Amino acid sequence: MQSLSTSCDRHCFNGVCLNGSCVCSKGWVGSQCDHCYGRINHLIDGPLDYSPSSKCTWLIESEKKVGAPLNIRLESFQTECGWDFVYIYDGDGVYGEQLAAFW
């Protein structure tokens, strides 16, 4: 969500403006909520583009228990051919088994 509120000095790209500061949605950090990183249970990206040269890393965990199966659904996915990729791994990082790659 983008906040166009005039109470913030800058736009909040993936969060809301509250009392003059950006409050980031889960999985986003930074003074403008424009950096992607973290441990999350679900991710809903907004309608905006990400910052140039972004490298987003999220560890998606089950809300139920450690090791519980996850269902991942990409409802809409647009990339810049040759530049943007999504990799899905089984494990807690890129050293786990790669399950999928999208470009």
PDB file of N, CA and C in Angstrom:
ATOM      1  N   MET A   1       0.840  -1.180   0.000  1.00  0.00           N
ATOM      2  CA  MET A   1       0.000   0.000   0.000  1.00  0.00           C
ATOM      3  C   MET A   1       0.883   1.240   0.000  1.00  0.00           C
ATOM      4  N   GLN A   2       0.501   2.237  -0.705  1.00  0.00           N
ATOM      5  CA  GLN A   2       1.240   3.487  -0.733  1.00  0.00           C
ATOM      6  C   GLN A   2       0.413   4.537  -0.027  1.00  0.00           C
ATOM      7  N   SER A   3       1.069   5.281   0.843  1.00  0.00           N
ATOM      8  CA  SER A   3       0.389   6.363   1.527  1.00  0.00           C
ATOM      9  C   SER A   3       0.781   7.675   0.874  1.00  0.00           C
ATOM     10  N   LEU A   4      -0.190   8.453   0.467  1.00  0.00           N
ATOM     11  CA  LEU A   4       0.085   9.757  -0.122  1.00  0.00           C
ATOM     12  C   LEU A   4      -0.182  10.864   0.886  1.00  0.00           C
ATOM     13  N   SER A   5      -0.233  10.505   2.144  1.00  0.00           N
ATOM     14  CA  SER A   5      -0.514  11.461   3.203  1.00  0.00           C
ATOM     15  C   SER A   5       0.559  12.539   3.247  1.00  0.00           C
ATOM     16  N   THR A   6       0.150  13.769   3.440  1.00  0.00           N
ATOM     17  CA  THR A   6       1.109  14.874   3.504  1.00  0.00           C
ATOM     18  C   THR A   6       1.784  14.959   4.863  1.00  0.00           C
ATOM     19  N   SER A   7       1.392  14.131   5.825  1.00  0.00           N
ATOM     20  CA  SER A   7       2.019  14.189   7.140  1.00  0.00           C
ATOM     21  C   SER A   7       3.377  13.495   7.160  1.00  0.00           C
ATOM     22  N   CYS A   8       3.722  12.734   6.123  1.00  0.00           N
ATOM     23  CA  CYS A   8       5.044  12.119   6.018  1.00  0.00           C
ATOM     24  C   CYS A   8       5.890  12.931   5.041  1.00  0.00           C
ATOM     25  N   ASP A   9       7.187  13.035   5.346  1.00  0.00           N
ATOM     26  CA  ASP A   9       8.099  13.761   4.466  1.00  0.00           C
ATOM     27  C   ASP A   9       8.227  13.087   3.102  1.00  0.00           C
ATOM     28  N   ARG A  10       8.194  11.747   3.094  1.00  0.00           N
ATOM     29  CA  ARG A  10       8.351  10.968   1.863  1.00  0.00           C
ATOM     30  C   ARG A  10       7.239   9.931   1.767  1.00  0.00           C
ATOM     31  N   HIS A  11       7.062   9.377   0.575  1.00  0.00           N
ATOM     32  CA  HIS A  11       6.053   8.338   0.374  1.00  0.00           C
ATOM     33  C   HIS A  11       6.432   7.066   1.123  1.00  0.00           C
ATOM     34  N   CYS A  12       5.437   6.352   1.608  1.00  0.00           N
ATOM     35  CA  CYS A  12       5.611   5.025   2.199  1.00  0.00           C
ATOM     36  C   CYS A  12       5.205   4.017   1.131  1.00  0.00           C
ATOM     37  N   PHE A  13       6.172   3.336   0.535  1.00  0.00           N
ATOM     38  CA  PHE A  13       5.897   2.486  -0.618  1.00  0.00           C
ATOM     39  C   PHE A  13       5.174   1.199  -0.268  1.00  0.00           C
ATOM     40  N   ASN A  14       5.522   0.562   0.832  1.00  0.00           N
ATOM     41  CA  ASN A  14       4.904  -0.707   1.229  1.00  0.00           C
ATOM     42  C   ASN A  14       4.511  -0.632   2.694  1.00  0.00           C
ATOM     43  N   GLY A  15       3.730   0.373   3.013  1.00  0.00           N
ATOM     44  CA  GLY A  15       3.281   0.600   4.372  1.00  0.00           C
ATOM     45  C   GLY A  15       2.328   1.773   4.402  1.00  0.00           C
ATOM     46  N   VAL A  16       2.128   2.308   5.580  1.00  0.00           N
ATOM     47  CA  VAL A  16       1.229   3.447   5.743  1.00  0.00           C
ATOM     48  C   VAL A  16       1.931   4.538   6.540  1.00  0.00           C
ATOM     49  N   CYS A  17       1.490   5.759   6.317  1.00  0.00           N
ATOM     50  CA  CYS A  17       2.016   6.895   7.059  1.00  0.00           C
ATOM     51  C   CYS A  17       1.211   7.030   8.344  1.00  0.00           C
ATOM     52  N   LEU A  18       1.897   7.060   9.477  1.00  0.00           N
ATOM     53  CA  LEU A  18       1.237   7.189  10.769  1.00  0.00           C
ATOM     54  C   LEU A  18       2.034   8.166  11.622  1.00  0.00           C
ATOM     55  N   ASN A  19       1.420   9.263  11.992  1.00  0.00           N
ATOM     56  CA  ASN A  19       2.072  10.284  12.825  1.00  0.00           C
ATOM     57  C   ASN A  19       3.411  10.745  12.257  1.00  0.00           C
ATOM     58  N   GLY A  20       3.475  10.920  10.948  1.00  0.00           N
ATOM     59  CA  GLY A  20       4.678  11.451  10.317  1.00  0.00           C
ATOM     60  C   GLY A  20       5.751  10.435   9.993  1.00  0.00           C
ATOM     61  N   SER A  21       5.517   9.152  10.281  1.00  0.00           N
ATOM     62  CA  SER A  21       6.502   8.107   9.998  1.00  0.00           C
ATOM     63  C   SER A  21       5.857   6.975   9.215  1.00  0.00           C
ATOM     64  N   CYS A  22       6.673   6.298   8.426  1.00  0.00           N
ATOM     65  CA  CYS A  22       6.185   5.131   7.692  1.00  0.00           C
ATOM     66  C   CYS A  22       6.161   3.922   8.618  1.00  0.00           C
ATOM     67  N   VAL A  23       5.043   3.232   8.637  1.00  0.00           N
ATOM     68  CA  VAL A  23       4.912   1.961   9.348  1.00  0.00           C
ATOM     69  C   VAL A  23       4.839   0.892   8.263  1.00  0.00           C
ATOM     70  N   CYS A  24       5.864   0.049   8.206  1.00  0.00           N
ATOM     71  CA  CYS A  24       6.018  -0.893   7.099  1.00  0.00           C
ATOM     72  C   CYS A  24       5.133  -2.119   7.253  1.00  0.00           C
ATOM     73  N   SER A  25       4.662  -2.618   6.106  1.00  0.00           N
ATOM     74  CA  SER A  25       3.979  -3.907   6.068  1.00  0.00           C
ATOM     75  C   SER A  25       5.001  -4.992   6.358  1.00  0.00           C
ATOM     76  N   LYS A  26       4.527  -6.153   6.808  1.00  0.00           N
ATOM     77  CA  LYS A  26       5.416  -7.256   7.140  1.00  0.00           C
ATOM     78  C   LYS A  26       6.243  -7.653   5.915  1.00  0.00           C
ATOM     79  N   GLY A  27       7.543  -7.830   6.110  1.00  0.00           N
ATOM     80  CA  GLY A  27       8.435  -8.192   5.016  1.00  0.00           C
ATOM     81  C   GLY A  27       9.137  -7.006   4.377  1.00  0.00           C
ATOM     82  N   TRP A  28       8.819  -5.793   4.841  1.00  0.00           N
ATOM     83  CA  TRP A  28       9.417  -4.575   4.281  1.00  0.00           C
ATOM     84  C   TRP A  28      10.044  -3.757   5.401  1.00  0.00           C
ATOM     85  N   VAL A  29      11.179  -3.127   5.122  1.00  0.00           N
ATOM     86  CA  VAL A  29      11.887  -2.306   6.101  1.00  0.00           C
ATOM     87  C   VAL A  29      12.371  -1.032   5.421  1.00  0.00           C
ATOM     88  N   GLY A  30      12.927  -0.122   6.205  1.00  0.00           N
ATOM     89  CA  GLY A  30      13.479   1.122   5.683  1.00  0.00           C
ATOM     90  C   GLY A  30      12.595   2.308   6.004  1.00  0.00           C
ATOM     91  N   SER A  31      13.160   3.488   5.920  1.00  0.00           N
ATOM     92  CA  SER A  31      12.428   4.706   6.277  1.00  0.00           C
ATOM     93  C   SER A  31      11.239   4.957   5.364  1.00  0.00           C
ATOM     94  N   GLN A  32      11.257   4.397   4.147  1.00  0.00           N
ATOM     95  CA  GLN A  32      10.138   4.530   3.215  1.00  0.00           C
ATOM     96  C   GLN A  32       9.497   3.175   2.905  1.00  0.00           C
ATOM     97  N   CYS A  33       9.823   2.174   3.719  1.00  0.00           N
ATOM     98  CA  CYS A  33       9.310   0.808   3.508  1.00  0.00           C
ATOM     99  C   CYS A  33       9.610   0.335   2.088  1.00  0.00           C
ATOM    100  N   ASP A  34      10.827   0.585   1.637  1.00  0.00           N
ATOM    101  CA  ASP A  34      11.191   0.260   0.258  1.00  0.00           C
ATOM    102  C   ASP A  34      12.256  -0.826   0.147  1.00  0.00           C
ATOM    103  N   HIS A  35      12.626  -1.450   1.256  1.00  0.00           N
ATOM    104  CA  HIS A  35      13.591  -2.550   1.242  1.00  0.00           C
ATOM    105  C   HIS A  35      12.876  -3.824   1.682  1.00  0.00           C
ATOM    106  N   CYS A  36      13.113  -4.896   0.964  1.00  0.00           N
ATOM    107  CA  CYS A  36      12.406  -6.146   1.230  1.00  0.00           C
ATOM    108  C   CYS A  36      13.331  -7.140   1.918  1.00  0.00           C
ATOM    109  N   TYR A  37      12.876  -7.649   3.061  1.00  0.00           N
ATOM    110  CA  TYR A  37      13.679  -8.593   3.822  1.00  0.00           C
ATOM    111  C   TYR A  37      12.873  -9.065   5.017  1.00  0.00           C
ATOM    112  N   GLY A  38      13.136 -10.248   5.487  1.00  0.00           N
ATOM    113  CA  GLY A  38      12.572 -10.655   6.756  1.00  0.00           C
ATOM    114  C   GLY A  38      11.974 -12.041   6.777  1.00  0.00           C
ATOM    115  N   ARG A  39      11.447 -12.390   7.950  1.00  0.00           N
ATOM    116  CA  ARG A  39      10.740 -13.643   8.183  1.00  0.00           C
ATOM    117  C   ARG A  39       9.261 -13.310   8.185  1.00  0.00           C
ATOM    118  N   ILE A  40       8.501 -13.984   7.335  1.00  0.00           N
ATOM    119  CA  ILE A  40       7.090 -13.659   7.181  1.00  0.00           C
ATOM    120  C   ILE A  40       6.248 -14.929   7.113  1.00  0.00           C
ATOM    121  N   ASN A  41       4.942 -14.767   7.338  1.00  0.00           N
ATOM    122  CA  ASN A  41       3.992 -15.865   7.179  1.00  0.00           C
ATOM    123  C   ASN A  41       3.228 -15.735   5.872  1.00  0.00           C
ATOM    124  N   HIS A  42       3.085 -14.522   5.373  1.00  0.00           N
ATOM    125  CA  HIS A  42       2.453 -14.283   4.080  1.00  0.00           C
ATOM    126  C   HIS A  42       2.983 -12.969   3.531  1.00  0.00           C
ATOM    127  N   LEU A  43       2.879 -12.816   2.239  1.00  0.00           N
ATOM    128  CA  LEU A  43       3.395 -11.622   1.579  1.00  0.00           C
ATOM    129  C   LEU A  43       2.379 -11.151   0.562  1.00  0.00           C
ATOM    130  N   ILE A  44       1.999  -9.910   0.672  1.00  0.00           N
ATOM    131  CA  ILE A  44       1.143  -9.279  -0.320  1.00  0.00           C
ATOM    132  C   ILE A  44       1.879  -8.042  -0.789  1.00  0.00           C
ATOM    133  N   ASP A  45       2.295  -8.051  -2.031  1.00  0.00           N
ATOM    134  CA  ASP A  45       3.040  -6.923  -2.573  1.00  0.00           C
ATOM    135  C   ASP A  45       2.057  -5.902  -3.116  1.00  0.00           C
ATOM    136  N   GLY A  46       2.447  -4.665  -3.085  1.00  0.00           N
ATOM    137  CA  GLY A  46       1.600  -3.589  -3.572  1.00  0.00           C
ATOM    138  C   GLY A  46       1.676  -3.427  -5.074  1.00  0.00           C
ATOM    139  N   PRO A  47       0.993  -2.425  -5.592  1.00  0.00           N
ATOM    140  CA  PRO A  47       0.939  -2.214  -7.036  1.00  0.00           C
ATOM    141  C   PRO A  47       2.160  -1.487  -7.597  1.00  0.00           C
ATOM    142  N   LEU A  48       3.087  -1.105  -6.751  1.00  0.00           N
ATOM    143  CA  LEU A  48       4.227  -0.301  -7.206  1.00  0.00           C
ATOM    144  C   LEU A  48       5.416  -1.162  -7.591  1.00  0.00           C
ATOM    145  N   ASP A  49       6.340  -0.574  -8.326  1.00  0.00           N
ATOM    146  CA  ASP A  49       7.590  -1.235  -8.659  1.00  0.00           C
ATOM    147  C   ASP A  49       8.505  -1.212  -7.444  1.00  0.00           C
ATOM    148  N   TYR A  50       9.414  -2.154  -7.387  1.00  0.00           N
ATOM    149  CA  TYR A  50      10.424  -2.152  -6.343  1.00  0.00           C
ATOM    150  C   TYR A  50      11.576  -1.253  -6.782  1.00  0.00           C
ATOM    151  N   SER A  51      12.449  -0.923  -5.855  1.00  0.00           N
ATOM    152  CA  SER A  51      13.584  -0.050  -6.149  1.00  0.00           C
ATOM    153  C   SER A  51      14.542  -0.728  -7.124  1.00  0.00           C
ATOM    154  N   PRO A  52      15.233   0.050  -7.973  1.00  0.00           N
ATOM    155  CA  PRO A  52      16.214  -0.531  -8.897  1.00  0.00           C
ATOM    156  C   PRO A  52      17.275  -1.324  -8.143  1.00  0.00           C
ATOM    157  N   SER A  53      17.718  -2.409  -8.738  1.00  0.00           N
ATOM    158  CA  SER A  53      18.762  -3.286  -8.189  1.00  0.00           C
ATOM    159  C   SER A  53      18.377  -3.918  -6.855  1.00  0.00           C
ATOM    160  N   SER A  54      17.087  -4.070  -6.600  1.00  0.00           N
ATOM    161  CA  SER A  54      16.637  -4.703  -5.360  1.00  0.00           C
ATOM    162  C   SER A  54      16.968  -6.184  -5.378  1.00  0.00           C
ATOM    163  N   LYS A  55      17.350  -6.691  -4.230  1.00  0.00           N
ATOM    164  CA  LYS A  55      17.530  -8.127  -4.049  1.00  0.00           C
ATOM    165  C   LYS A  55      16.718  -8.493  -2.819  1.00  0.00           C
ATOM    166  N   CYS A  56      15.548  -9.038  -3.040  1.00  0.00           N
ATOM    167  CA  CYS A  56      14.631  -9.337  -1.945  1.00  0.00           C
ATOM    168  C   CYS A  56      14.841 -10.757  -1.451  1.00  0.00           C
ATOM    169  N   THR A  57      14.869 -10.915  -0.145  1.00  0.00           N
ATOM    170  CA  THR A  57      15.002 -12.231   0.464  1.00  0.00           C
ATOM    171  C   THR A  57      14.004 -12.337   1.594  1.00  0.00           C
ATOM    172  N   TRP A  58      13.099 -13.306   1.478  1.00  0.00           N
ATOM    173  CA  TRP A  58      12.146 -13.550   2.555  1.00  0.00           C
ATOM    174  C   TRP A  58      12.217 -15.012   2.949  1.00  0.00           C
ATOM    175  N   LEU A  59      12.166 -15.271   4.231  1.00  0.00           N
ATOM    176  CA  LEU A  59      12.028 -16.624   4.746  1.00  0.00           C
ATOM    177  C   LEU A  59      10.567 -16.765   5.139  1.00  0.00           C
ATOM    178  N   ILE A  60       9.830 -17.581   4.405  1.00  0.00           N
ATOM    179  CA  ILE A  60       8.397 -17.742   4.641  1.00  0.00           C
ATOM    180  C   ILE A  60       8.211 -18.932   5.569  1.00  0.00           C
ATOM    181  N   GLU A  61       7.580 -18.689   6.716  1.00  0.00           N
ATOM    182  CA  GLU A  61       7.387 -19.725   7.722  1.00  0.00           C
ATOM    183  C   GLU A  61       5.911 -20.037   7.898  1.00  0.00           C
ATOM    184  N   SER A  62       5.625 -21.251   8.285  1.00  0.00           N
ATOM    185  CA  SER A  62       4.256 -21.660   8.571  1.00  0.00           C
ATOM    186  C   SER A  62       3.778 -21.009   9.862  1.00  0.00           C
ATOM    187  N   GLU A  63       2.505 -20.610   9.890  1.00  0.00           N
ATOM    188  CA  GLU A  63       1.925 -20.082  11.125  1.00  0.00           C
ATOM    189  C   GLU A  63       1.606 -21.211  12.093  1.00  0.00           C
ATOM    190  N   LYS A  64       1.545 -22.440  11.604  1.00  0.00           N
ATOM    191  CA  LYS A  64       1.122 -23.576  12.417  1.00  0.00           C
ATOM    192  C   LYS A  64       2.253 -24.136  13.260  1.00  0.00           C
ATOM    193  N   LYS A  65       3.305 -24.634  12.629  1.00  0.00           N
ATOM    194  CA  LYS A  65       4.429 -25.210  13.362  1.00  0.00           C
ATOM    195  C   LYS A  65       5.639 -25.305  12.445  1.00  0.00           C
ATOM    196  N   VAL A  66       6.781 -25.467  13.044  1.00  0.00           N
ATOM    197  CA  VAL A  66       8.015 -25.614  12.281  1.00  0.00           C
ATOM    198  C   VAL A  66       7.925 -26.882  11.438  1.00  0.00           C
ATOM    199  N   GLY A  67       8.274 -26.775  10.181  1.00  0.00           N
ATOM    200  CA  GLY A  67       8.273 -27.923   9.293  1.00  0.00           C
ATOM    201  C   GLY A  67       6.936 -28.242   8.651  1.00  0.00           C
ATOM    202  N   ALA A  68       5.903 -27.457   8.957  1.00  0.00           N
ATOM    203  CA  ALA A  68       4.591 -27.694   8.345  1.00  0.00           C
ATOM    204  C   ALA A  68       4.649 -27.341   6.861  1.00  0.00           C
ATOM    205  N   PRO A  69       3.896 -28.060   6.023  1.00  0.00           N
ATOM    206  CA  PRO A  69       3.899 -27.759   4.587  1.00  0.00           C
ATOM    207  C   PRO A  69       3.362 -26.360   4.297  1.00  0.00           C
ATOM    208  N   LEU A  70       3.863 -25.755   3.234  1.00  0.00           N
ATOM    209  CA  LEU A  70       3.403 -24.439   2.798  1.00  0.00           C
ATOM    210  C   LEU A  70       2.800 -24.548   1.404  1.00  0.00           C
ATOM    211  N   ASN A  71       1.790 -23.754   1.154  1.00  0.00           N
ATOM    212  CA  ASN A  71       1.245 -23.593  -0.189  1.00  0.00           C
ATOM    213  C   ASN A  71       1.630 -22.207  -0.662  1.00  0.00           C
ATOM    214  N   ILE A  72       2.280 -22.125  -1.803  1.00  0.00           N
ATOM    215  CA  ILE A  72       2.688 -20.840  -2.363  1.00  0.00           C
ATOM    216  C   ILE A  72       1.920 -20.631  -3.657  1.00  0.00           C
ATOM    217  N   ARG A  73       1.226 -19.502  -3.734  1.00  0.00           N
ATOM    218  CA  ARG A  73       0.430 -19.183  -4.920  1.00  0.00           C
ATOM    219  C   ARG A  73       0.851 -17.810  -5.431  1.00  0.00           C
ATOM    220  N   LEU A  74       1.266 -17.747  -6.672  1.00  0.00           N
ATOM    221  CA  LEU A  74       1.584 -16.480  -7.316  1.00  0.00           C
ATOM    222  C   LEU A  74       0.397 -16.134  -8.204  1.00  0.00           C
ATOM    223  N   GLU A  75      -0.412 -15.181  -7.768  1.00  0.00           N
ATOM    224  CA  GLU A  75      -1.611 -14.819  -8.523  1.00  0.00           C
ATOM    225  C   GLU A  75      -1.285 -13.963  -9.734  1.00  0.00           C
ATOM    226  N   SER A  76      -0.310 -13.111  -9.597  1.00  0.00           N
ATOM    227  CA  SER A  76       0.098 -12.233 -10.684  1.00  0.00           C
ATOM    228  C   SER A  76       1.597 -12.052 -10.564  1.00  0.00           C
ATOM    229  N   PHE A  77       2.272 -12.174 -11.679  1.00  0.00           N
ATOM    230  CA  PHE A  77       3.725 -12.140 -11.616  1.00  0.00           C
ATOM    231  C   PHE A  77       4.238 -11.493 -12.888  1.00  0.00           C
ATOM    232  N   GLN A  78       4.883 -10.343 -12.763  1.00  0.00           N
ATOM    233  CA  GLN A  78       5.446  -9.648 -13.914  1.00  0.00           C
ATOM    234  C   GLN A  78       6.918  -9.382 -13.643  1.00  0.00           C
ATOM    235  N   THR A  79       7.741  -9.728 -14.610  1.00  0.00           N
ATOM    236  CA  THR A  79       9.171  -9.501 -14.460  1.00  0.00           C
ATOM    237  C   THR A  79       9.719  -8.816 -15.698  1.00  0.00           C
ATOM    238  N   GLU A  80      10.900  -8.275 -15.525  1.00  0.00           N
ATOM    239  CA  GLU A  80      11.644  -7.717 -16.648  1.00  0.00           C
ATOM    240  C   GLU A  80      12.548  -8.837 -17.159  1.00  0.00           C
ATOM    241  N   CYS A  81      12.260  -9.336 -18.335  1.00  0.00           N
ATOM    242  CA  CYS A  81      12.934 -10.504 -18.891  1.00  0.00           C
ATOM    243  C   CYS A  81      14.456 -10.360 -18.821  1.00  0.00           C
ATOM    244  N   GLY A  82      15.106 -11.382 -18.303  1.00  0.00           N
ATOM    245  CA  GLY A  82      16.558 -11.386 -18.208  1.00  0.00           C
ATOM    246  C   GLY A  82      17.111 -10.712 -16.964  1.00  0.00           C
ATOM    247  N   TRP A  83      16.238 -10.079 -16.170  1.00  0.00           N
ATOM    248  CA  TRP A  83      16.703  -9.341 -14.995  1.00  0.00           C
ATOM    249  C   TRP A  83      16.032  -9.779 -13.701  1.00  0.00           C
ATOM    250  N   ASP A  84      14.792 -10.180 -13.772  1.00  0.00           N
ATOM    251  CA  ASP A  84      14.017 -10.472 -12.563  1.00  0.00           C
ATOM    252  C   ASP A  84      13.737 -11.967 -12.456  1.00  0.00           C
ATOM    253  N   PHE A  85      13.969 -12.506 -11.271  1.00  0.00           N
ATOM    254  CA  PHE A  85      13.792 -13.936 -11.045  1.00  0.00           C
ATOM    255  C   PHE A  85      13.207 -14.163  -9.656  1.00  0.00           C
ATOM    256  N   VAL A  86      12.488 -15.258  -9.509  1.00  0.00           N
ATOM    257  CA  VAL A  86      12.026 -15.714  -8.200  1.00  0.00           C
ATOM    258  C   VAL A  86      12.484 -17.159  -8.054  1.00  0.00           C
ATOM    259  N   TYR A  87      13.179 -17.435  -6.954  1.00  0.00           N
ATOM    260  CA  TYR A  87      13.622 -18.786  -6.648  1.00  0.00           C
ATOM    261  C   TYR A  87      12.953 -19.217  -5.354  1.00  0.00           C
ATOM    262  N   ILE A  88      12.494 -20.457  -5.314  1.00  0.00           N
ATOM    263  CA  ILE A  88      11.878 -21.001  -4.107  1.00  0.00           C
ATOM    264  C   ILE A  88      12.710 -22.203  -3.676  1.00  0.00           C
ATOM    265  N   TYR A  89      13.141 -22.180  -2.404  1.00  0.00           N
ATOM    266  CA  TYR A  89      13.977 -23.236  -1.844  1.00  0.00           C
ATOM    267  C   TYR A  89      13.256 -23.911  -0.689  1.00  0.00           C
ATOM    268  N   ASP A  90      13.573 -25.168  -0.461  1.00  0.00           N
ATOM    269  CA  ASP A  90      13.082 -25.896   0.700  1.00  0.00           C
ATOM    270  C   ASP A  90      14.185 -25.861   1.746  1.00  0.00           C
ATOM    271  N   GLY A  91      13.968 -25.134   2.803  1.00  0.00           N
ATOM    272  CA  GLY A  91      14.975 -24.977   3.841  1.00  0.00           C
ATOM    273  C   GLY A  91      15.002 -23.542   4.305  1.00  0.00           C
ATOM    274  N   ASP A  92      16.003 -23.213   5.092  1.00  0.00           N
ATOM    275  CA  ASP A  92      16.052 -21.867   5.660  1.00  0.00           C
ATOM    276  C   ASP A  92      17.006 -20.947   4.915  1.00  0.00           C
ATOM    277  N   GLY A  93      17.288 -21.231   3.663  1.00  0.00           N
ATOM    278  CA  GLY A  93      18.154 -20.358   2.885  1.00  0.00           C
ATOM    279  C   GLY A  93      18.405 -20.929   1.499  1.00  0.00           C
ATOM    280  N   VAL A  94      19.314 -20.298   0.781  1.00  0.00           N
ATOM    281  CA  VAL A  94      19.598 -20.685  -0.599  1.00  0.00           C
ATOM    282  C   VAL A  94      20.399 -21.979  -0.696  1.00  0.00           C
ATOM    283  N   TYR A  95      20.794 -22.554   0.430  1.00  0.00           N
ATOM    284  CA  TYR A  95      21.524 -23.816   0.401  1.00  0.00           C
ATOM    285  C   TYR A  95      20.586 -25.014   0.489  1.00  0.00           C
ATOM    286  N   GLY A  96      19.283 -24.759   0.649  1.00  0.00           N
ATOM    287  CA  GLY A  96      18.295 -25.832   0.616  1.00  0.00           C
ATOM    288  C   GLY A  96      18.043 -26.266  -0.816  1.00  0.00           C
ATOM    289  N   GLU A  97      17.220 -27.302  -0.967  1.00  0.00           N
ATOM    290  CA  GLU A  97      16.882 -27.797  -2.304  1.00  0.00           C
ATOM    291  C   GLU A  97      16.051 -26.762  -3.052  1.00  0.00           C
ATOM    292  N   GLN A  98      16.461 -26.416  -4.276  1.00  0.00           N
ATOM    293  CA  GLN A  98      15.682 -25.476  -5.090  1.00  0.00           C
ATOM    294  C   GLN A  98      14.470 -26.214  -5.637  1.00  0.00           C
ATOM    295  N   LEU A  99      13.277 -25.694  -5.329  1.00  0.00           N
ATOM    296  CA  LEU A  99      12.029 -26.315  -5.761  1.00  0.00           C
ATOM    297  C   LEU A  99      11.480 -25.701  -7.037  1.00  0.00           C
ATOM    298  N   ALA A 100      11.722 -24.409  -7.243  1.00  0.00           N
ATOM    299  CA  ALA A 100      11.144 -23.724  -8.401  1.00  0.00           C
ATOM    300  C   ALA A 100      11.957 -22.490  -8.746  1.00  0.00           C
ATOM    301  N   ALA A 101      11.869 -22.102 -10.011  1.00  0.00           N
ATOM    302  CA  ALA A 101      12.476 -20.856 -10.483  1.00  0.00           C
ATOM    303  C   ALA A 101      11.516 -20.241 -11.491  1.00  0.00           C
ATOM    304  N   PHE A 102      11.247 -18.958 -11.337  1.00  0.00           N
ATOM    305  CA  PHE A 102      10.336 -18.238 -12.231  1.00  0.00           C
ATOM    306  C   PHE A 102      11.058 -17.028 -12.799  1.00  0.00           C
ATOM    307  N   TRP A 103      10.877 -16.790 -14.090  1.00  0.00           N
ATOM    308  CA  TRP A 103      11.436 -15.591 -14.720  1.00  0.00           C
ATOM    309  C   TRP A 103      10.577 -15.155 -15.854  1.00  0.00           C
TER     310      TRP A 103
END
